[in-house]
Amino acid sequence: MTATIGTPTRFPDSQAEKLLALLSARSVLPGRDHEAIVHALTDIAASVEKVYGEMLPALLSDPTVATEALQDTLWDIREEFRHIQYHIDDGTLTDL
C-alpha cells in the first residue's frame, strides 16, 4: 500500500488581504484585532504547508535517509507545531 501526502492549498497574501478587508468591513468581531487574527491564520497555514507539503514528502522520498537526518527533520516538524501552538496559546484565535 502506497500512501501519499497531498500538498496543502496555499493561503496567499492576496487571500489574507481579502480576509482582513472582509473582517474589517463587517465588524463581526468588535474589539478584536483583525490583523492579528489574519496574521495567526497565515502563519499557521505556512507551518502546515511546510510540514505536509515539504518536510514529510522529503522524508518519504528517501527511505534510506540517515537516522540523524530523520531525527533532525522530526525536530524541525516539532518546531513547526510549536509555532502553531504559540498561535493557539496566545488566544488570538481561540478567544474569538
Protein backbone atom coordinates (compact mmCIF):
# COMPACT_ATOMS: atom_id res chain seq x y z
CA MET A 1 0.00 0.00 0.00
CA THR A 2 1.41 3.35 -1.03
CA ALA A 3 0.48 6.40 0.99
CA THR A 4 0.71 9.86 -0.45
CA ILE A 5 0.53 13.22 1.22
CA GLY A 6 -1.29 15.88 -0.74
CA THR A 7 0.19 19.34 -0.74
CA PRO A 8 -1.99 21.70 1.26
CA THR A 9 -3.57 24.58 -0.56
CA ARG A 10 -1.55 27.73 -0.18
CA PHE A 11 -3.05 30.72 1.65
CA PRO A 12 -1.55 33.54 -0.41
CA ASP A 13 -1.12 37.13 0.72
CA SER A 14 -3.90 38.23 -1.62
CA GLN A 15 -6.33 35.95 0.23
CA ALA A 16 -5.09 37.24 3.59
CA GLU A 17 -5.73 40.79 2.42
CA LYS A 18 -9.25 39.84 1.29
CA LEU A 19 -9.94 38.19 4.64
CA LEU A 20 -8.68 41.24 6.52
CA ALA A 21 -10.90 43.50 4.41
CA LEU A 22 -13.91 41.25 4.98
CA LEU A 23 -13.43 41.07 8.75
CA SER A 24 -12.88 44.80 8.99
CA ALA A 25 -15.82 45.74 6.75
CA ARG A 26 -18.32 43.51 8.51
CA SER A 27 -17.18 44.20 12.07
CA VAL A 28 -18.16 40.64 13.03
CA LEU A 29 -15.55 40.65 15.78
CA PRO A 30 -15.90 44.02 17.50
CA GLY A 31 -12.93 44.98 19.61
CA ARG A 32 -10.75 42.29 18.06
CA ASP A 33 -7.50 42.93 16.21
CA HIS A 34 -8.39 41.70 12.74
CA GLU A 35 -4.79 41.99 11.58
CA ALA A 36 -3.62 39.71 14.40
CA ILE A 37 -6.27 37.13 13.51
CA VAL A 38 -5.28 37.11 9.84
CA HIS A 39 -1.57 37.01 10.75
CA ALA A 40 -2.13 33.99 13.02
CA LEU A 41 -4.11 32.16 10.33
CA THR A 42 -1.45 32.94 7.73
CA ASP A 43 1.38 31.73 9.98
CA ILE A 44 -0.48 28.52 10.80
CA ALA A 45 -1.16 27.87 7.11
CA ALA A 46 2.54 28.35 6.33
CA SER A 47 3.57 25.89 9.05
CA VAL A 48 1.05 23.28 7.91
CA GLU A 49 2.17 23.71 4.32
CA LYS A 50 5.81 23.34 5.34
CA VAL A 51 5.20 20.16 7.35
CA TYR A 52 2.86 18.39 4.95
CA GLY A 53 3.98 19.91 1.67
CA GLU A 54 7.74 19.85 2.15
CA MET A 55 9.14 18.07 5.20
CA LEU A 56 7.15 14.85 5.26
CA PRO A 57 7.26 14.35 1.48
CA ALA A 58 11.04 14.85 1.59
CA LEU A 59 11.33 12.18 4.28
CA LEU A 60 9.12 9.76 2.40
CA SER A 61 11.02 10.29 -0.85
CA ASP A 62 14.18 8.79 0.64
CA PRO A 63 13.55 5.62 2.66
CA THR A 64 17.32 5.27 3.18
CA VAL A 65 17.64 8.63 4.92
CA ALA A 66 20.23 8.61 7.68
CA THR A 67 18.86 8.28 11.21
CA GLU A 68 20.39 11.60 12.24
CA ALA A 69 18.79 13.42 9.30
CA LEU A 70 15.47 11.76 10.06
CA GLN A 71 15.67 12.88 13.68
CA ASP A 72 16.65 16.42 12.67
CA THR A 73 13.66 16.66 10.36
CA LEU A 74 11.33 15.36 13.05
CA TRP A 75 12.69 18.03 15.40
CA ASP A 76 12.06 20.65 12.72
CA ILE A 77 8.50 19.36 12.41
CA ARG A 78 8.17 19.64 16.19
CA GLU A 79 9.22 23.29 15.97
CA GLU A 80 6.58 24.00 13.32
CA PHE A 81 3.94 22.51 15.61
CA ARG A 82 5.27 24.60 18.50
CA HIS A 83 4.82 27.64 16.28
CA ILE A 84 1.20 26.61 15.66
CA GLN A 85 0.76 26.03 19.39
CA TYR A 86 2.06 29.54 20.06
CA HIS A 87 -0.78 30.96 17.98
CA ILE A 88 -3.26 28.80 19.84
CA ASP A 89 -1.90 29.68 23.28
CA ASP A 90 -1.84 33.43 22.67
CA GLY A 91 -5.64 33.40 22.42
CA THR A 92 -5.88 35.31 19.16
CA LEU A 93 -7.89 32.53 17.54
CA THR A 94 -9.27 30.61 20.49
CA ASP A 95 -10.87 33.62 22.17
CA LEU A 96 -12.97 34.70 19.19
